[in-house]
Amino acid sequence: MSALYILIGISLCVALVFLGAFLWAVRKGQFDDDYTPSVRILFEEPIGENKQEKHKN
């Protein structure tokens, strides 16, 4: 039975760590733009930039 109390305590500590990481990410603006990543693949890049980047290597 004491092992159960230890496991509950550890799981609560882990949950608090994840909650803290989530709140930190929200405050730093990690989730501000949730629309652009879903449509970024649809945007066309200018042709000139692609050719110049290939020749730089």
PDB file of N, CA and C in Angstrom:
ATOM      1  N   MET A   1       0.821  -1.191   0.000  1.00  0.00           N
ATOM      2  CA  MET A   1       0.000   0.000   0.000  1.00  0.00           C
ATOM      3  C   MET A   1       0.867   1.257   0.000  1.00  0.00           C
ATOM      4  N   SER A   2       2.012   1.191   0.667  1.00  0.00           N
ATOM      5  CA  SER A   2       2.884   2.366   0.695  1.00  0.00           C
ATOM      6  C   SER A   2       3.474   2.643  -0.686  1.00  0.00           C
ATOM      7  N   ALA A   3       3.658   1.593  -1.483  1.00  0.00           N
ATOM      8  CA  ALA A   3       4.167   1.800  -2.843  1.00  0.00           C
ATOM      9  C   ALA A   3       3.162   2.591  -3.673  1.00  0.00           C
ATOM     10  N   LEU A   4       1.896   2.386  -3.422  1.00  0.00           N
ATOM     11  CA  LEU A   4       0.857   3.115  -4.145  1.00  0.00           C
ATOM     12  C   LEU A   4       0.932   4.605  -3.828  1.00  0.00           C
ATOM     13  N   TYR A   5       1.150   4.946  -2.576  1.00  0.00           N
ATOM     14  CA  TYR A   5       1.282   6.351  -2.193  1.00  0.00           C
ATOM     15  C   TYR A   5       2.507   6.976  -2.844  1.00  0.00           C
ATOM     16  N   ILE A   6       3.583   6.238  -2.913  1.00  0.00           N
ATOM     17  CA  ILE A   6       4.801   6.745  -3.547  1.00  0.00           C
ATOM     18  C   ILE A   6       4.563   6.980  -5.036  1.00  0.00           C
ATOM     19  N   LEU A   7       3.902   6.038  -5.696  1.00  0.00           N
ATOM     20  CA  LEU A   7       3.634   6.183  -7.125  1.00  0.00           C
ATOM     21  C   LEU A   7       2.683   7.342  -7.412  1.00  0.00           C
ATOM     22  N   ILE A   8       1.702   7.541  -6.559  1.00  0.00           N
ATOM     23  CA  ILE A   8       0.791   8.674  -6.734  1.00  0.00           C
ATOM     24  C   ILE A   8       1.551   9.984  -6.563  1.00  0.00           C
ATOM     25  N   GLY A   9       2.415  10.043  -5.575  1.00  0.00           N
ATOM     26  CA  GLY A   9       3.221  11.247  -5.365  1.00  0.00           C
ATOM     27  C   GLY A   9       4.141  11.538  -6.540  1.00  0.00           C
ATOM     28  N   ILE A  10       4.781  10.500  -7.065  1.00  0.00           N
ATOM     29  CA  ILE A  10       5.672  10.678  -8.213  1.00  0.00           C
ATOM     30  C   ILE A  10       4.883  11.125  -9.439  1.00  0.00           C
ATOM     31  N   SER A  11       3.715  10.529  -9.651  1.00  0.00           N
ATOM     32  CA  SER A  11       2.910  10.907 -10.818  1.00  0.00           C
ATOM     33  C   SER A  11       2.412  12.347 -10.707  1.00  0.00           C
ATOM     34  N   LEU A  12       2.097  12.789  -9.515  1.00  0.00           N
ATOM     35  CA  LEU A  12       1.699  14.180  -9.333  1.00  0.00           C
ATOM     36  C   LEU A  12       2.861  15.128  -9.608  1.00  0.00           C
ATOM     37  N   CYS A  13       4.057  14.755  -9.186  1.00  0.00           N
ATOM     38  CA  CYS A  13       5.238  15.576  -9.465  1.00  0.00           C
ATOM     39  C   CYS A  13       5.508  15.664 -10.963  1.00  0.00           C
ATOM     40  N   VAL A  14       5.400  14.551 -11.655  1.00  0.00           N
ATOM     41  CA  VAL A  14       5.610  14.545 -13.106  1.00  0.00           C
ATOM     42  C   VAL A  14       4.541  15.391 -13.793  1.00  0.00           C
ATOM     43  N   ALA A  15       3.299  15.287 -13.338  1.00  0.00           N
ATOM     44  CA  ALA A  15       2.217  16.085 -13.919  1.00  0.00           C
ATOM     45  C   ALA A  15       2.466  17.573 -13.712  1.00  0.00           C
ATOM     46  N   LEU A  16       2.974  17.950 -12.554  1.00  0.00           N
ATOM     47  CA  LEU A  16       3.282  19.353 -12.294  1.00  0.00           C
ATOM     48  C   LEU A  16       4.419  19.849 -13.174  1.00  0.00           C
ATOM     49  N   VAL A  17       5.396  18.998 -13.437  1.00  0.00           N
ATOM     50  CA  VAL A  17       6.494  19.379 -14.332  1.00  0.00           C
ATOM     51  C   VAL A  17       5.960  19.631 -15.739  1.00  0.00           C
ATOM     52  N   PHE A  18       5.096  18.743 -16.234  1.00  0.00           N
ATOM     53  CA  PHE A  18       4.527  18.934 -17.565  1.00  0.00           C
ATOM     54  C   PHE A  18       3.619  20.162 -17.615  1.00  0.00           C
ATOM     55  N   LEU A  19       2.872  20.418 -16.563  1.00  0.00           N
ATOM     56  CA  LEU A  19       2.040  21.611 -16.513  1.00  0.00           C
ATOM     57  C   LEU A  19       2.909  22.867 -16.540  1.00  0.00           C
ATOM     58  N   GLY A  20       3.998  22.854 -15.792  1.00  0.00           N
ATOM     59  CA  GLY A  20       4.920  23.987 -15.801  1.00  0.00           C
ATOM     60  C   GLY A  20       5.546  24.203 -17.167  1.00  0.00           C
ATOM     61  N   ALA A  21       5.923  23.122 -17.846  1.00  0.00           N
ATOM     62  CA  ALA A  21       6.494  23.247 -19.191  1.00  0.00           C
ATOM     63  C   ALA A  21       5.464  23.803 -20.168  1.00  0.00           C
ATOM     64  N   PHE A  22       4.226  23.372 -20.047  1.00  0.00           N
ATOM     65  CA  PHE A  22       3.170  23.884 -20.919  1.00  0.00           C
ATOM     66  C   PHE A  22       2.931  25.367 -20.673  1.00  0.00           C
ATOM     67  N   LEU A  23       2.834  25.767 -19.419  1.00  0.00           N
ATOM     68  CA  LEU A  23       2.609  27.177 -19.108  1.00  0.00           C
ATOM     69  C   LEU A  23       3.779  28.037 -19.559  1.00  0.00           C
ATOM     70  N   TRP A  24       4.994  27.531 -19.427  1.00  0.00           N
ATOM     71  CA  TRP A  24       6.174  28.257 -19.898  1.00  0.00           C
ATOM     72  C   TRP A  24       6.105  28.456 -21.407  1.00  0.00           C
ATOM     73  N   ALA A  25       5.717  27.420 -22.144  1.00  0.00           N
ATOM     74  CA  ALA A  25       5.626  27.517 -23.602  1.00  0.00           C
ATOM     75  C   ALA A  25       4.540  28.502 -24.019  1.00  0.00           C
ATOM     76  N   VAL A  26       3.435  28.525 -23.300  1.00  0.00           N
ATOM     77  CA  VAL A  26       2.363  29.465 -23.627  1.00  0.00           C
ATOM     78  C   VAL A  26       2.825  30.891 -23.378  1.00  0.00           C
ATOM     79  N   ARG A  27       3.516  31.129 -22.291  1.00  0.00           N
ATOM     80  CA  ARG A  27       3.988  32.479 -21.978  1.00  0.00           C
ATOM     81  C   ARG A  27       5.062  32.952 -22.949  1.00  0.00           C
ATOM     82  N   LYS A  28       5.844  32.038 -23.489  1.00  0.00           N
ATOM     83  CA  LYS A  28       6.891  32.403 -24.449  1.00  0.00           C
ATOM     84  C   LYS A  28       6.344  32.571 -25.863  1.00  0.00           C
ATOM     85  N   GLY A  29       5.060  32.302 -26.077  1.00  0.00           N
ATOM     86  CA  GLY A  29       4.445  32.506 -27.376  1.00  0.00           C
ATOM     87  C   GLY A  29       4.590  31.347 -28.334  1.00  0.00           C
ATOM     88  N   GLN A  30       4.809  30.177 -27.831  1.00  0.00           N
ATOM     89  CA  GLN A  30       5.001  29.003 -28.681  1.00  0.00           C
ATOM     90  C   GLN A  30       3.745  28.672 -29.479  1.00  0.00           C
ATOM     91  N   PHE A  31       2.581  28.983 -28.963  1.00  0.00           N
ATOM     92  CA  PHE A  31       1.325  28.604 -29.601  1.00  0.00           C
ATOM     93  C   PHE A  31       0.583  29.802 -30.182  1.00  0.00           C
ATOM     94  N   ASP A  32       1.286  30.903 -30.458  1.00  0.00           N
ATOM     95  CA  ASP A  32       0.618  32.098 -30.958  1.00  0.00           C
ATOM     96  C   ASP A  32       0.053  31.909 -32.359  1.00  0.00           C
ATOM     97  N   ASP A  33       0.832  31.332 -33.268  1.00  0.00           N
ATOM     98  CA  ASP A  33       0.405  31.187 -34.659  1.00  0.00           C
ATOM     99  C   ASP A  33       0.096  29.726 -34.935  1.00  0.00           C
ATOM    100  N   ASP A  34      -1.167  29.378 -34.850  1.00  0.00           N
ATOM    101  CA  ASP A  34      -1.534  27.982 -35.067  1.00  0.00           C
ATOM    102  C   ASP A  34      -2.136  27.744 -36.450  1.00  0.00           C
ATOM    103  N   TYR A  35      -2.263  28.799 -37.266  1.00  0.00           N
ATOM    104  CA  TYR A  35      -2.849  28.621 -38.592  1.00  0.00           C
ATOM    105  C   TYR A  35      -1.783  28.453 -39.672  1.00  0.00           C
ATOM    106  N   THR A  36      -0.726  29.235 -39.625  1.00  0.00           N
ATOM    107  CA  THR A  36       0.276  29.230 -40.691  1.00  0.00           C
ATOM    108  C   THR A  36       0.948  27.877 -40.901  1.00  0.00           C
ATOM    109  N   PRO A  37       1.356  27.134 -39.887  1.00  0.00           N
ATOM    110  CA  PRO A  37       2.018  25.857 -40.165  1.00  0.00           C
ATOM    111  C   PRO A  37       1.166  24.877 -40.962  1.00  0.00           C
ATOM    112  N   SER A  38      -0.139  24.956 -40.828  1.00  0.00           N
ATOM    113  CA  SER A  38      -0.983  24.007 -41.552  1.00  0.00           C
ATOM    114  C   SER A  38      -1.094  24.331 -43.032  1.00  0.00           C
ATOM    115  N   VAL A  39      -0.848  25.578 -43.413  1.00  0.00           N
ATOM    116  CA  VAL A  39      -0.948  25.949 -44.830  1.00  0.00           C
ATOM    117  C   VAL A  39       0.393  26.355 -45.426  1.00  0.00           C
ATOM    118  N   ARG A  40       1.465  26.269 -44.673  1.00  0.00           N
ATOM    119  CA  ARG A  40       2.776  26.687 -45.161  1.00  0.00           C
ATOM    120  C   ARG A  40       3.211  25.880 -46.378  1.00  0.00           C
ATOM    121  N   ILE A  41       2.839  24.626 -46.449  1.00  0.00           N
ATOM    122  CA  ILE A  41       3.219  23.781 -47.570  1.00  0.00           C
ATOM    123  C   ILE A  41       2.557  24.263 -48.859  1.00  0.00           C
ATOM    124  N   LEU A  42       1.465  25.004 -48.753  1.00  0.00           N
ATOM    125  CA  LEU A  42       0.752  25.478 -49.937  1.00  0.00           C
ATOM    126  C   LEU A  42       1.357  26.746 -50.528  1.00  0.00           C
ATOM    127  N   PHE A  43       2.198  27.459 -49.768  1.00  0.00           N
ATOM    128  CA  PHE A  43       2.803  28.689 -50.264  1.00  0.00           C
ATOM    129  C   PHE A  43       3.925  28.362 -51.232  1.00  0.00           C
ATOM    130  N   GLU A  44       3.965  29.091 -52.350  1.00  0.00           N
ATOM    131  CA  GLU A  44       5.027  28.874 -53.327  1.00  0.00           C
ATOM    132  C   GLU A  44       6.210  29.771 -52.995  1.00  0.00           C
ATOM    133  N   GLU A  45       7.405  29.233 -53.144  1.00  0.00           N
ATOM    134  CA  GLU A  45       8.611  30.019 -52.964  1.00  0.00           C
ATOM    135  C   GLU A  45       8.990  30.639 -54.300  1.00  0.00           C
ATOM    136  N   PRO A  46       9.567  31.825 -54.273  1.00  0.00           N
ATOM    137  CA  PRO A  46      10.036  32.418 -55.530  1.00  0.00           C
ATOM    138  C   PRO A  46      11.091  31.526 -56.179  1.00  0.00           C
ATOM    139  N   ILE A  47      11.048  31.408 -57.494  1.00  0.00           N
ATOM    140  CA  ILE A  47      11.947  30.506 -58.215  1.00  0.00           C
ATOM    141  C   ILE A  47      13.396  30.947 -58.074  1.00  0.00           C
ATOM    142  N   GLY A  48      13.652  32.230 -58.090  1.00  0.00           N
ATOM    143  CA  GLY A  48      15.023  32.734 -58.010  1.00  0.00           C
ATOM    144  C   GLY A  48      15.726  32.353 -56.722  1.00  0.00           C
ATOM    145  N   GLU A  49      15.023  32.338 -55.622  1.00  0.00           N
ATOM    146  CA  GLU A  49      15.648  32.004 -54.342  1.00  0.00           C
ATOM    147  C   GLU A  49      16.074  30.545 -54.298  1.00  0.00           C
ATOM    148  N   ASN A  50      15.302  29.650 -54.885  1.00  0.00           N
ATOM    149  CA  ASN A  50      15.655  28.234 -54.877  1.00  0.00           C
ATOM    150  C   ASN A  50      16.935  27.985 -55.658  1.00  0.00           C
ATOM    151  N   LYS A  51      17.105  28.634 -56.806  1.00  0.00           N
ATOM    152  CA  LYS A  51      18.297  28.424 -57.626  1.00  0.00           C
ATOM    153  C   LYS A  51      19.538  28.970 -56.933  1.00  0.00           C
ATOM    154  N   GLN A  52      19.416  30.120 -56.284  1.00  0.00           N
ATOM    155  CA  GLN A  52      20.570  30.712 -55.612  1.00  0.00           C
ATOM    156  C   GLN A  52      21.005  29.871 -54.420  1.00  0.00           C
ATOM    157  N   GLU A  53      20.070  29.325 -53.684  1.00  0.00           N
ATOM    158  CA  GLU A  53      20.414  28.507 -52.524  1.00  0.00           C
ATOM    159  C   GLU A  53      21.136  27.239 -52.942  1.00  0.00           C
ATOM    160  N   LYS A  54      20.769  26.653 -54.076  1.00  0.00           N
ATOM    161  CA  LYS A  54      21.419  25.434 -54.534  1.00  0.00           C
ATOM    162  C   LYS A  54      22.855  25.698 -54.954  1.00  0.00           C
ATOM    163  N   HIS A  55      23.129  26.866 -55.523  1.00  0.00           N
ATOM    164  CA  HIS A  55      24.475  27.167 -56.003  1.00  0.00           C
ATOM    165  C   HIS A  55      25.415  27.608 -54.885  1.00  0.00           C
ATOM    166  N   LYS A  56      24.887  28.001 -53.738  1.00  0.00           N
ATOM    167  CA  LYS A  56      25.736  28.410 -52.622  1.00  0.00           C
ATOM    168  C   LYS A  56      26.510  27.230 -52.055  1.00  0.00           C
ATOM    169  N   ASN A  57      25.963  26.058 -52.108  1.00  0.00           N
ATOM    170  CA  ASN A  57      26.635  24.879 -51.564  1.00  0.00           C
ATOM    171  C   ASN A  57      27.679  24.485 -52.516  1.00  0.00           C
TER     172      ASN A  57
END
